[in-house]
Amino acid sequence: MKQIKPETVASAENAVRDTKNWLAVFKTEYDVPDEAVKKLHEKLDEISDNMRGLKCTPKGADPNTIRPVSNALRDLKNWLATFAKEYDLSAETVKVLHQNMDKIGQKLALIDCK
């Protein structure tokens, strides 16, 4: 049975970790309320939690285990629209947030089996 290549998951986990670390700077630079940063951390944790369940099939990464990770990232990106309005974030702030979420998505797309 194939297994997930650890380095591909590590890369995706690092992207989530980097984004979480970046939130401290983001909070100060864009004056984002504590409650909003907490919610962002929770949503990023959900992505990480779902990554722990990734599995492989003989044909490659199991889509049934990838779907929850993808859904969590999609939900986070959708939530950003509400988040931006609720906290009156600038277009630049939203752009930077989306860029960070896209980095995570790019790393997730590279997860592979060996």
PDB file of N, CA and C in Angstrom:
ATOM      1  N   MET A   1       0.849  -1.187   0.000  1.00  0.00           N
ATOM      2  CA  MET A   1       0.000   0.000   0.000  1.00  0.00           C
ATOM      3  C   MET A   1       0.890   1.244   0.000  1.00  0.00           C
ATOM      4  N   LYS A   2       0.531   2.179  -0.834  1.00  0.00           N
ATOM      5  CA  LYS A   2       1.278   3.434  -0.904  1.00  0.00           C
ATOM      6  C   LYS A   2       1.044   4.259   0.356  1.00  0.00           C
ATOM      7  N   GLN A   3       2.021   5.113   0.654  1.00  0.00           N
ATOM      8  CA  GLN A   3       1.909   6.020   1.785  1.00  0.00           C
ATOM      9  C   GLN A   3       2.196   7.443   1.320  1.00  0.00           C
ATOM     10  N   ILE A   4       1.646   8.374   2.051  1.00  0.00           N
ATOM     11  CA  ILE A   4       1.882   9.782   1.754  1.00  0.00           C
ATOM     12  C   ILE A   4       3.374  10.072   1.897  1.00  0.00           C
ATOM     13  N   LYS A   5       3.932  10.810   0.956  1.00  0.00           N
ATOM     14  CA  LYS A   5       5.328  11.235   1.071  1.00  0.00           C
ATOM     15  C   LYS A   5       5.404  12.274   2.187  1.00  0.00           C
ATOM     16  N   PRO A   6       6.130  11.965   3.243  1.00  0.00           N
ATOM     17  CA  PRO A   6       6.182  12.883   4.391  1.00  0.00           C
ATOM     18  C   PRO A   6       6.636  14.293   4.024  1.00  0.00           C
ATOM     19  N   GLU A   7       7.571  14.393   3.090  1.00  0.00           N
ATOM     20  CA  GLU A   7       8.081  15.723   2.745  1.00  0.00           C
ATOM     21  C   GLU A   7       7.017  16.599   2.085  1.00  0.00           C
ATOM     22  N   THR A   8       6.055  15.971   1.387  1.00  0.00           N
ATOM     23  CA  THR A   8       5.014  16.779   0.743  1.00  0.00           C
ATOM     24  C   THR A   8       4.013  17.286   1.776  1.00  0.00           C
ATOM     25  N   VAL A   9       3.731  16.462   2.780  1.00  0.00           N
ATOM     26  CA  VAL A   9       2.837  16.899   3.852  1.00  0.00           C
ATOM     27  C   VAL A   9       3.546  17.936   4.709  1.00  0.00           C
ATOM     28  N   ALA A  10       4.829  17.708   4.975  1.00  0.00           N
ATOM     29  CA  ALA A  10       5.597  18.660   5.784  1.00  0.00           C
ATOM     30  C   ALA A  10       5.608  20.039   5.133  1.00  0.00           C
ATOM     31  N   SER A  11       5.723  20.056   3.830  1.00  0.00           N
ATOM     32  CA  SER A  11       5.727  21.331   3.109  1.00  0.00           C
ATOM     33  C   SER A  11       4.393  22.059   3.285  1.00  0.00           C
ATOM     34  N   ALA A  12       3.293  21.314   3.194  1.00  0.00           N
ATOM     35  CA  ALA A  12       1.967  21.912   3.387  1.00  0.00           C
ATOM     36  C   ALA A  12       1.788  22.355   4.839  1.00  0.00           C
ATOM     37  N   GLU A  13       2.244  21.529   5.780  1.00  0.00           N
ATOM     38  CA  GLU A  13       2.153  21.902   7.191  1.00  0.00           C
ATOM     39  C   GLU A  13       2.976  23.149   7.484  1.00  0.00           C
ATOM     40  N   ASN A  14       4.137  23.254   6.850  1.00  0.00           N
ATOM     41  CA  ASN A  14       4.976  24.441   7.021  1.00  0.00           C
ATOM     42  C   ASN A  14       4.278  25.694   6.497  1.00  0.00           C
ATOM     43  N   ALA A  15       3.555  25.559   5.395  1.00  0.00           N
ATOM     44  CA  ALA A  15       2.821  26.704   4.843  1.00  0.00           C
ATOM     45  C   ALA A  15       1.742  27.166   5.819  1.00  0.00           C
ATOM     46  N   VAL A  16       1.072  26.220   6.475  1.00  0.00           N
ATOM     47  CA  VAL A  16       0.059  26.577   7.481  1.00  0.00           C
ATOM     48  C   VAL A  16       0.744  27.232   8.672  1.00  0.00           C
ATOM     49  N   ARG A  17       1.846  26.636   9.136  1.00  0.00           N
ATOM     50  CA  ARG A  17       2.578  27.196  10.273  1.00  0.00           C
ATOM     51  C   ARG A  17       3.093  28.604   9.968  1.00  0.00           C
ATOM     52  N   ASP A  18       3.647  28.779   8.781  1.00  0.00           N
ATOM     53  CA  ASP A  18       4.150  30.092   8.390  1.00  0.00           C
ATOM     54  C   ASP A  18       3.034  31.125   8.387  1.00  0.00           C
ATOM     55  N   THR A  19       1.864  30.716   7.916  1.00  0.00           N
ATOM     56  CA  THR A  19       0.722  31.636   7.894  1.00  0.00           C
ATOM     57  C   THR A  19       0.305  31.983   9.317  1.00  0.00           C
ATOM     58  N   LYS A  20       0.286  30.984  10.197  1.00  0.00           N
ATOM     59  CA  LYS A  20      -0.073  31.246  11.596  1.00  0.00           C
ATOM     60  C   LYS A  20       0.947  32.187  12.241  1.00  0.00           C
ATOM     61  N   ASN A  21       2.229  31.984  11.965  1.00  0.00           N
ATOM     62  CA  ASN A  21       3.255  32.882  12.501  1.00  0.00           C
ATOM     63  C   ASN A  21       3.101  34.285  11.932  1.00  0.00           C
ATOM     64  N   TRP A  22       2.782  34.363  10.671  1.00  0.00           N
ATOM     65  CA  TRP A  22       2.602  35.638   9.989  1.00  0.00           C
ATOM     66  C   TRP A  22       1.431  36.426  10.583  1.00  0.00           C
ATOM     67  N   LEU A  23       0.433  35.728  11.138  1.00  0.00           N
ATOM     68  CA  LEU A  23      -0.740  36.413  11.696  1.00  0.00           C
ATOM     69  C   LEU A  23      -0.375  37.388  12.814  1.00  0.00           C
ATOM     70  N   ALA A  24       0.680  37.104  13.549  1.00  0.00           N
ATOM     71  CA  ALA A  24       1.104  38.033  14.614  1.00  0.00           C
ATOM     72  C   ALA A  24       1.517  39.373  14.008  1.00  0.00           C
ATOM     73  N   VAL A  25       2.265  39.324  12.924  1.00  0.00           N
ATOM     74  CA  VAL A  25       2.672  40.550  12.228  1.00  0.00           C
ATOM     75  C   VAL A  25       1.445  41.197  11.587  1.00  0.00           C
ATOM     76  N   PHE A  26       0.629  40.361  10.964  1.00  0.00           N
ATOM     77  CA  PHE A  26      -0.584  40.826  10.304  1.00  0.00           C
ATOM     78  C   PHE A  26      -1.485  41.583  11.273  1.00  0.00           C
ATOM     79  N   LYS A  27      -1.659  41.032  12.478  1.00  0.00           N
ATOM     80  CA  LYS A  27      -2.516  41.653  13.485  1.00  0.00           C
ATOM     81  C   LYS A  27      -2.039  43.064  13.814  1.00  0.00           C
ATOM     82  N   THR A  28      -0.740  43.218  13.999  1.00  0.00           N
ATOM     83  CA  THR A  28      -0.170  44.513  14.350  1.00  0.00           C
ATOM     84  C   THR A  28      -0.186  45.471  13.159  1.00  0.00           C
ATOM     85  N   GLU A  29       0.264  44.981  12.018  1.00  0.00           N
ATOM     86  CA  GLU A  29       0.393  45.837  10.837  1.00  0.00           C
ATOM     87  C   GLU A  29      -0.954  46.359  10.344  1.00  0.00           C
ATOM     88  N   TYR A  30      -1.973  45.500  10.400  1.00  0.00           N
ATOM     89  CA  TYR A  30      -3.291  45.883   9.876  1.00  0.00           C
ATOM     90  C   TYR A  30      -4.307  46.148  10.980  1.00  0.00           C
ATOM     91  N   ASP A  31      -3.847  46.153  12.235  1.00  0.00           N
ATOM     92  CA  ASP A  31      -4.702  46.436  13.385  1.00  0.00           C
ATOM     93  C   ASP A  31      -5.968  45.577  13.376  1.00  0.00           C
ATOM     94  N   VAL A  32      -5.757  44.274  13.279  1.00  0.00           N
ATOM     95  CA  VAL A  32      -6.865  43.310  13.246  1.00  0.00           C
ATOM     96  C   VAL A  32      -7.228  42.937  14.680  1.00  0.00           C
ATOM     97  N   PRO A  33      -8.519  42.931  15.009  1.00  0.00           N
ATOM     98  CA  PRO A  33      -8.949  42.600  16.375  1.00  0.00           C
ATOM     99  C   PRO A  33      -8.532  41.180  16.788  1.00  0.00           C
ATOM    100  N   ASP A  34      -8.306  41.001  18.093  1.00  0.00           N
ATOM    101  CA  ASP A  34      -7.906  39.702  18.641  1.00  0.00           C
ATOM    102  C   ASP A  34      -8.884  38.595  18.258  1.00  0.00           C
ATOM    103  N   GLU A  35     -10.175  38.906  18.326  1.00  0.00           N
ATOM    104  CA  GLU A  35     -11.210  37.920  18.010  1.00  0.00           C
ATOM    105  C   GLU A  35     -11.056  37.394  16.579  1.00  0.00           C
ATOM    106  N   ALA A  36     -10.745  38.283  15.661  1.00  0.00           N
ATOM    107  CA  ALA A  36     -10.587  37.897  14.262  1.00  0.00           C
ATOM    108  C   ALA A  36      -9.354  37.018  14.069  1.00  0.00           C
ATOM    109  N   VAL A  37      -8.266  37.379  14.727  1.00  0.00           N
ATOM    110  CA  VAL A  37      -7.040  36.584  14.621  1.00  0.00           C
ATOM    111  C   VAL A  37      -7.273  35.203  15.232  1.00  0.00           C
ATOM    112  N   LYS A  38      -7.994  35.158  16.327  1.00  0.00           N
ATOM    113  CA  LYS A  38      -8.317  33.872  16.957  1.00  0.00           C
ATOM    114  C   LYS A  38      -9.101  32.992  15.990  1.00  0.00           C
ATOM    115  N   LYS A  39     -10.070  33.581  15.308  1.00  0.00           N
ATOM    116  CA  LYS A  39     -10.879  32.827  14.348  1.00  0.00           C
ATOM    117  C   LYS A  39     -10.015  32.323  13.191  1.00  0.00           C
ATOM    118  N   LEU A  40      -9.102  33.143  12.719  1.00  0.00           N
ATOM    119  CA  LEU A  40      -8.190  32.713  11.652  1.00  0.00           C
ATOM    120  C   LEU A  40      -7.341  31.527  12.116  1.00  0.00           C
ATOM    121  N   HIS A  41      -6.851  31.597  13.334  1.00  0.00           N
ATOM    122  CA  HIS A  41      -6.059  30.482  13.879  1.00  0.00           C
ATOM    123  C   HIS A  41      -6.901  29.210  13.942  1.00  0.00           C
ATOM    124  N   GLU A  42      -8.154  29.330  14.373  1.00  0.00           N
ATOM    125  CA  GLU A  42      -9.039  28.164  14.457  1.00  0.00           C
ATOM    126  C   GLU A  42      -9.246  27.540  13.078  1.00  0.00           C
ATOM    127  N   LYS A  43      -9.449  28.379  12.084  1.00  0.00           N
ATOM    128  CA  LYS A  43      -9.681  27.866  10.737  1.00  0.00           C
ATOM    129  C   LYS A  43      -8.414  27.224  10.166  1.00  0.00           C
ATOM    130  N   LEU A  44      -7.262  27.784  10.468  1.00  0.00           N
ATOM    131  CA  LEU A  44      -6.005  27.177  10.027  1.00  0.00           C
ATOM    132  C   LEU A  44      -5.758  25.855  10.764  1.00  0.00           C
ATOM    133  N   ASP A  45      -6.140  25.795  12.032  1.00  0.00           N
ATOM    134  CA  ASP A  45      -6.018  24.541  12.790  1.00  0.00           C
ATOM    135  C   ASP A  45      -6.890  23.450  12.176  1.00  0.00           C
ATOM    136  N   GLU A  46      -8.046  23.833  11.694  1.00  0.00           N
ATOM    137  CA  GLU A  46      -8.942  22.860  11.054  1.00  0.00           C
ATOM    138  C   GLU A  46      -8.267  22.245   9.817  1.00  0.00           C
ATOM    139  N   ILE A  47      -7.575  23.072   9.058  1.00  0.00           N
ATOM    140  CA  ILE A  47      -6.850  22.569   7.885  1.00  0.00           C
ATOM    141  C   ILE A  47      -5.780  21.578   8.339  1.00  0.00           C
ATOM    142  N   SER A  48      -5.012  21.958   9.349  1.00  0.00           N
ATOM    143  CA  SER A  48      -3.958  21.075   9.877  1.00  0.00           C
ATOM    144  C   SER A  48      -4.533  19.766  10.406  1.00  0.00           C
ATOM    145  N   ASP A  49      -5.615  19.865  11.148  1.00  0.00           N
ATOM    146  CA  ASP A  49      -6.242  18.662  11.707  1.00  0.00           C
ATOM    147  C   ASP A  49      -6.668  17.707  10.594  1.00  0.00           C
ATOM    148  N   ASN A  50      -7.220  18.249   9.537  1.00  0.00           N
ATOM    149  CA  ASN A  50      -7.664  17.407   8.427  1.00  0.00           C
ATOM    150  C   ASN A  50      -6.486  16.791   7.664  1.00  0.00           C
ATOM    151  N   MET A  51      -5.354  17.474   7.648  1.00  0.00           N
ATOM    152  CA  MET A  51      -4.180  16.925   6.965  1.00  0.00           C
ATOM    153  C   MET A  51      -3.683  15.654   7.645  1.00  0.00           C
ATOM    154  N   ARG A  52      -3.925  15.526   8.930  1.00  0.00           N
ATOM    155  CA  ARG A  52      -3.478  14.326   9.649  1.00  0.00           C
ATOM    156  C   ARG A  52      -4.174  13.066   9.143  1.00  0.00           C
ATOM    157  N   GLY A  53      -5.315  13.231   8.483  1.00  0.00           N
ATOM    158  CA  GLY A  53      -6.067  12.083   7.995  1.00  0.00           C
ATOM    159  C   GLY A  53      -5.762  11.695   6.558  1.00  0.00           C
ATOM    160  N   LEU A  54      -4.783  12.331   5.941  1.00  0.00           N
ATOM    161  CA  LEU A  54      -4.470  12.036   4.545  1.00  0.00           C
ATOM    162  C   LEU A  54      -3.972  10.605   4.382  1.00  0.00           C
ATOM    163  N   LYS A  55      -4.480   9.941   3.333  1.00  0.00           N
ATOM    164  CA  LYS A  55      -4.106   8.558   3.041  1.00  0.00           C
ATOM    165  C   LYS A  55      -3.920   8.394   1.545  1.00  0.00           C
ATOM    166  N   CYS A  56      -3.359   7.261   1.197  1.00  0.00           N
ATOM    167  CA  CYS A  56      -3.132   6.936  -0.217  1.00  0.00           C
ATOM    168  C   CYS A  56      -3.947   5.715  -0.613  1.00  0.00           C
ATOM    169  N   THR A  57      -4.183   5.616  -1.893  1.00  0.00           N
ATOM    170  CA  THR A  57      -4.762   4.427  -2.501  1.00  0.00           C
ATOM    171  C   THR A  57      -3.713   3.910  -3.475  1.00  0.00           C
ATOM    172  N   PRO A  58      -3.913   2.749  -4.062  1.00  0.00           N
ATOM    173  CA  PRO A  58      -2.945   2.279  -5.062  1.00  0.00           C
ATOM    174  C   PRO A  58      -2.760   3.255  -6.230  1.00  0.00           C
ATOM    175  N   LYS A  59      -3.750   4.099  -6.462  1.00  0.00           N
ATOM    176  CA  LYS A  59      -3.682   5.055  -7.570  1.00  0.00           C
ATOM    177  C   LYS A  59      -3.107   6.413  -7.168  1.00  0.00           C
ATOM    178  N   GLY A  60      -2.833   6.608  -5.896  1.00  0.00           N
ATOM    179  CA  GLY A  60      -2.317   7.895  -5.434  1.00  0.00           C
ATOM    180  C   GLY A  60      -3.062   8.386  -4.211  1.00  0.00           C
ATOM    181  N   ALA A  61      -2.992   9.697  -3.979  1.00  0.00           N
ATOM    182  CA  ALA A  61      -3.643  10.290  -2.812  1.00  0.00           C
ATOM    183  C   ALA A  61      -5.149  10.013  -2.851  1.00  0.00           C
ATOM    184  N   ASP A  62      -5.688   9.624  -1.714  1.00  0.00           N
ATOM    185  CA  ASP A  62      -7.106   9.281  -1.602  1.00  0.00           C
ATOM    186  C   ASP A  62      -7.952  10.555  -1.611  1.00  0.00           C
ATOM    187  N   PRO A  63      -8.784  10.723  -2.649  1.00  0.00           N
ATOM    188  CA  PRO A  63      -9.590  11.946  -2.733  1.00  0.00           C
ATOM    189  C   PRO A  63     -10.534  12.125  -1.546  1.00  0.00           C
ATOM    190  N   ASN A  64     -10.950  11.022  -0.924  1.00  0.00           N
ATOM    191  CA  ASN A  64     -11.851  11.127   0.227  1.00  0.00           C
ATOM    192  C   ASN A  64     -11.158  11.712   1.451  1.00  0.00           C
ATOM    193  N   THR A  65      -9.829  11.615   1.502  1.00  0.00           N
ATOM    194  CA  THR A  65      -9.106  12.209   2.629  1.00  0.00           C
ATOM    195  C   THR A  65      -8.581  13.598   2.282  1.00  0.00           C
ATOM    196  N   ILE A  66      -8.459  13.871   1.008  1.00  0.00           N
ATOM    197  CA  ILE A  66      -8.022  15.204   0.572  1.00  0.00           C
ATOM    198  C   ILE A  66      -9.190  16.195   0.627  1.00  0.00           C
ATOM    199  N   ARG A  67     -10.380  15.703   0.333  1.00  0.00           N
ATOM    200  CA  ARG A  67     -11.564  16.568   0.280  1.00  0.00           C
ATOM    201  C   ARG A  67     -11.774  17.386   1.553  1.00  0.00           C
ATOM    202  N   PRO A  68     -11.682  16.792   2.763  1.00  0.00           N
ATOM    203  CA  PRO A  68     -11.879  17.613   3.975  1.00  0.00           C
ATOM    204  C   PRO A  68     -10.856  18.744   4.106  1.00  0.00           C
ATOM    205  N   VAL A  69      -9.624  18.488   3.665  1.00  0.00           N
ATOM    206  CA  VAL A  69      -8.590  19.524   3.724  1.00  0.00           C
ATOM    207  C   VAL A  69      -8.932  20.638   2.744  1.00  0.00           C
ATOM    208  N   SER A  70      -9.282  20.247   1.526  1.00  0.00           N
ATOM    209  CA  SER A  70      -9.653  21.230   0.501  1.00  0.00           C
ATOM    210  C   SER A  70     -10.884  22.024   0.921  1.00  0.00           C
ATOM    211  N   ASN A  71     -11.856  21.321   1.493  1.00  0.00           N
ATOM    212  CA  ASN A  71     -13.073  22.001   1.945  1.00  0.00           C
ATOM    213  C   ASN A  71     -12.779  23.005   3.054  1.00  0.00           C
ATOM    214  N   ALA A  72     -11.891  22.637   3.979  1.00  0.00           N
ATOM    215  CA  ALA A  72     -11.537  23.554   5.073  1.00  0.00           C
ATOM    216  C   ALA A  72     -10.851  24.805   4.527  1.00  0.00           C
ATOM    217  N   LEU A  73      -9.982  24.624   3.524  1.00  0.00           N
ATOM    218  CA  LEU A  73      -9.311  25.777   2.919  1.00  0.00           C
ATOM    219  C   LEU A  73     -10.314  26.634   2.150  1.00  0.00           C
ATOM    220  N   ARG A  74     -11.201  25.994   1.403  1.00  0.00           N
ATOM    221  CA  ARG A  74     -12.227  26.735   0.672  1.00  0.00           C
ATOM    222  C   ARG A  74     -13.123  27.514   1.635  1.00  0.00           C
ATOM    223  N   ASP A  75     -13.526  26.862   2.723  1.00  0.00           N
ATOM    224  CA  ASP A  75     -14.377  27.531   3.713  1.00  0.00           C
ATOM    225  C   ASP A  75     -13.663  28.731   4.328  1.00  0.00           C
ATOM    226  N   LEU A  76     -12.364  28.590   4.574  1.00  0.00           N
ATOM    227  CA  LEU A  76     -11.587  29.704   5.112  1.00  0.00           C
ATOM    228  C   LEU A  76     -11.574  30.863   4.125  1.00  0.00           C
ATOM    229  N   LYS A  77     -11.335  30.564   2.863  1.00  0.00           N
ATOM    230  CA  LYS A  77     -11.304  31.627   1.856  1.00  0.00           C
ATOM    231  C   LYS A  77     -12.684  32.280   1.718  1.00  0.00           C
ATOM    232  N   ASN A  78     -13.748  31.492   1.786  1.00  0.00           N
ATOM    233  CA  ASN A  78     -15.100  32.058   1.732  1.00  0.00           C
ATOM    234  C   ASN A  78     -15.376  32.913   2.967  1.00  0.00           C
ATOM    235  N   TRP A  79     -14.919  32.454   4.108  1.00  0.00           N
ATOM    236  CA  TRP A  79     -15.123  33.191   5.349  1.00  0.00           C
ATOM    237  C   TRP A  79     -14.410  34.534   5.304  1.00  0.00           C
ATOM    238  N   LEU A  80     -13.310  34.622   4.563  1.00  0.00           N
ATOM    239  CA  LEU A  80     -12.564  35.876   4.478  1.00  0.00           C
ATOM    240  C   LEU A  80     -13.421  37.024   3.931  1.00  0.00           C
ATOM    241  N   ALA A  81     -14.348  36.697   3.051  1.00  0.00           N
ATOM    242  CA  ALA A  81     -15.232  37.745   2.514  1.00  0.00           C
ATOM    243  C   ALA A  81     -16.074  38.342   3.639  1.00  0.00           C
ATOM    244  N   THR A  82     -16.645  37.490   4.462  1.00  0.00           N
ATOM    245  CA  THR A  82     -17.440  37.954   5.605  1.00  0.00           C
ATOM    246  C   THR A  82     -16.539  38.665   6.609  1.00  0.00           C
ATOM    247  N   PHE A  83     -15.397  38.081   6.867  1.00  0.00           N
ATOM    248  CA  PHE A  83     -14.410  38.630   7.791  1.00  0.00           C
ATOM    249  C   PHE A  83     -14.025  40.050   7.374  1.00  0.00           C
ATOM    250  N   ALA A  84     -13.787  40.251   6.085  1.00  0.00           N
ATOM    251  CA  ALA A  84     -13.368  41.560   5.572  1.00  0.00           C
ATOM    252  C   ALA A  84     -14.438  42.621   5.810  1.00  0.00           C
ATOM    253  N   LYS A  85     -15.690  42.257   5.592  1.00  0.00           N
ATOM    254  CA  LYS A  85     -16.785  43.217   5.805  1.00  0.00           C
ATOM    255  C   LYS A  85     -16.996  43.482   7.290  1.00  0.00           C
ATOM    256  N   GLU A  86     -17.002  42.404   8.065  1.00  0.00           N
ATOM    257  CA  GLU A  86     -17.254  42.516   9.493  1.00  0.00           C
ATOM    258  C   GLU A  86     -16.244  43.423  10.192  1.00  0.00           C
ATOM    259  N   TYR A  87     -14.977  43.316   9.780  1.00  0.00           N
ATOM    260  CA  TYR A  87     -13.907  44.075  10.424  1.00  0.00           C
ATOM    261  C   TYR A  87     -13.409  45.227   9.564  1.00  0.00           C
ATOM    262  N   ASP A  88     -14.142  45.527   8.502  1.00  0.00           N
ATOM    263  CA  ASP A  88     -13.831  46.647   7.618  1.00  0.00           C
ATOM    264  C   ASP A  88     -12.350  46.647   7.211  1.00  0.00           C
ATOM    265  N   LEU A  89     -11.922  45.492   6.682  1.00  0.00           N
ATOM    266  CA  LEU A  89     -10.529  45.366   6.262  1.00  0.00           C
ATOM    267  C   LEU A  89     -10.314  46.007   4.901  1.00  0.00           C
ATOM    268  N   SER A  90      -9.137  46.548   4.715  1.00  0.00           N
ATOM    269  CA  SER A  90      -8.811  47.163   3.433  1.00  0.00           C
ATOM    270  C   SER A  90      -8.648  46.095   2.364  1.00  0.00           C
ATOM    271  N   ALA A  91      -8.749  46.521   1.120  1.00  0.00           N
ATOM    272  CA  ALA A  91      -8.561  45.603  -0.010  1.00  0.00           C
ATOM    273  C   ALA A  91      -7.165  44.987   0.038  1.00  0.00           C
ATOM    274  N   GLU A  92      -6.175  45.769   0.441  1.00  0.00           N
ATOM    275  CA  GLU A  92      -4.805  45.268   0.541  1.00  0.00           C
ATOM    276  C   GLU A  92      -4.698  44.151   1.583  1.00  0.00           C
ATOM    277  N   THR A  93      -5.376  44.332   2.708  1.00  0.00           N
ATOM    278  CA  THR A  93      -5.369  43.327   3.766  1.00  0.00           C
ATOM    279  C   THR A  93      -5.962  42.022   3.261  1.00  0.00           C
ATOM    280  N   VAL A  94      -7.085  42.114   2.595  1.00  0.00           N
ATOM    281  CA  VAL A  94      -7.763  40.926   2.057  1.00  0.00           C
ATOM    282  C   VAL A  94      -6.874  40.250   1.010  1.00  0.00           C
ATOM    283  N   LYS A  95      -6.231  41.051   0.188  1.00  0.00           N
ATOM    284  CA  LYS A  95      -5.340  40.511  -0.843  1.00  0.00           C
ATOM    285  C   LYS A  95      -4.211  39.708  -0.202  1.00  0.00           C
ATOM    286  N   VAL A  96      -3.598  40.262   0.836  1.00  0.00           N
ATOM    287  CA  VAL A  96      -2.493  39.584   1.512  1.00  0.00           C
ATOM    288  C   VAL A  96      -2.978  38.283   2.157  1.00  0.00           C
ATOM    289  N   LEU A  97      -4.149  38.319   2.768  1.00  0.00           N
ATOM    290  CA  LEU A  97      -4.704  37.099   3.367  1.00  0.00           C
ATOM    291  C   LEU A  97      -4.922  36.020   2.301  1.00  0.00           C
ATOM    292  N   HIS A  98      -5.505  36.411   1.187  1.00  0.00           N
ATOM    293  CA  HIS A  98      -5.753  35.449   0.107  1.00  0.00           C
ATOM    294  C   HIS A  98      -4.442  34.892  -0.441  1.00  0.00           C
ATOM    295  N   GLN A  99      -3.430  35.703  -0.547  1.00  0.00           N
ATOM    296  CA  GLN A  99      -2.131  35.219  -1.031  1.00  0.00           C
ATOM    297  C   GLN A  99      -1.580  34.138  -0.103  1.00  0.00           C
ATOM    298  N   ASN A 100      -1.736  34.345   1.195  1.00  0.00           N
ATOM    299  CA  ASN A 100      -1.271  33.341   2.150  1.00  0.00           C
ATOM    300  C   ASN A 100      -2.080  32.052   2.053  1.00  0.00           C
ATOM    301  N   MET A 101      -3.380  32.176   1.854  1.00  0.00           N
ATOM    302  CA  MET A 101      -4.217  30.982   1.700  1.00  0.00           C
ATOM    303  C   MET A 101      -3.872  30.252   0.396  1.00  0.00           C
ATOM    304  N   ASP A 102      -3.563  31.011  -0.638  1.00  0.00           N
ATOM    305  CA  ASP A 102      -3.171  30.406  -1.914  1.00  0.00           C
ATOM    306  C   ASP A 102      -1.871  29.620  -1.779  1.00  0.00           C
ATOM    307  N   LYS A 103      -0.933  30.122  -0.977  1.00  0.00           N
ATOM    308  CA  LYS A 103       0.325  29.399  -0.745  1.00  0.00           C
ATOM    309  C   LYS A 103       0.043  28.033  -0.124  1.00  0.00           C
ATOM    310  N   ILE A 104      -0.881  28.011   0.820  1.00  0.00           N
ATOM    311  CA  ILE A 104      -1.255  26.740   1.449  1.00  0.00           C
ATOM    312  C   ILE A 104      -1.864  25.811   0.394  1.00  0.00           C
ATOM    313  N   GLY A 105      -2.768  26.341  -0.401  1.00  0.00           N
ATOM    314  CA  GLY A 105      -3.402  25.538  -1.452  1.00  0.00           C
ATOM    315  C   GLY A 105      -2.397  24.971  -2.433  1.00  0.00           C
ATOM    316  N   GLN A 106      -1.411  25.756  -2.791  1.00  0.00           N
ATOM    317  CA  GLN A 106      -0.373  25.296  -3.731  1.00  0.00           C
ATOM    318  C   GLN A 106       0.411  24.123  -3.122  1.00  0.00           C
ATOM    319  N   LYS A 107       0.722  24.214  -1.860  1.00  0.00           N
ATOM    320  CA  LYS A 107       1.451  23.121  -1.191  1.00  0.00           C
ATOM    321  C   LYS A 107       0.573  21.880  -1.044  1.00  0.00           C
ATOM    322  N   LEU A 108      -0.706  22.083  -0.776  1.00  0.00           N
ATOM    323  CA  LEU A 108      -1.629  20.953  -0.671  1.00  0.00           C
ATOM    324  C   LEU A 108      -1.720  20.214  -2.002  1.00  0.00           C
ATOM    325  N   ALA A 109      -1.704  20.954  -3.081  1.00  0.00           N
ATOM    326  CA  ALA A 109      -1.804  20.347  -4.401  1.00  0.00           C
ATOM    327  C   ALA A 109      -0.596  19.463  -4.726  1.00  0.00           C
ATOM    328  N   LEU A 110       0.510  19.663  -4.033  1.00  0.00           N
ATOM    329  CA  LEU A 110       1.728  18.894  -4.269  1.00  0.00           C
ATOM    330  C   LEU A 110       1.841  17.636  -3.406  1.00  0.00           C
ATOM    331  N   ILE A 111       0.876  17.419  -2.519  1.00  0.00           N
ATOM    332  CA  ILE A 111       0.931  16.225  -1.669  1.00  0.00           C
ATOM    333  C   ILE A 111       0.833  14.996  -2.563  1.00  0.00           C
ATOM    334  N   ASP A 112       1.731  14.053  -2.305  1.00  0.00           N
ATOM    335  CA  ASP A 112       1.870  12.899  -3.193  1.00  0.00           C
ATOM    336  C   ASP A 112       2.109  11.629  -2.376  1.00  0.00           C
ATOM    337  N   CYS A 113       1.982  10.505  -3.053  1.00  0.00           N
ATOM    338  CA  CYS A 113       2.208   9.192  -2.436  1.00  0.00           C
ATOM    339  C   CYS A 113       3.479   8.573  -2.978  1.00  0.00           C
ATOM    340  N   LYS A 114       4.031   7.633  -2.187  1.00  0.00           N
ATOM    341  CA  LYS A 114       5.229   6.907  -2.667  1.00  0.00           C
ATOM    342  C   LYS A 114       4.954   5.423  -2.668  1.00  0.00           C
TER     343      LYS A 114
END
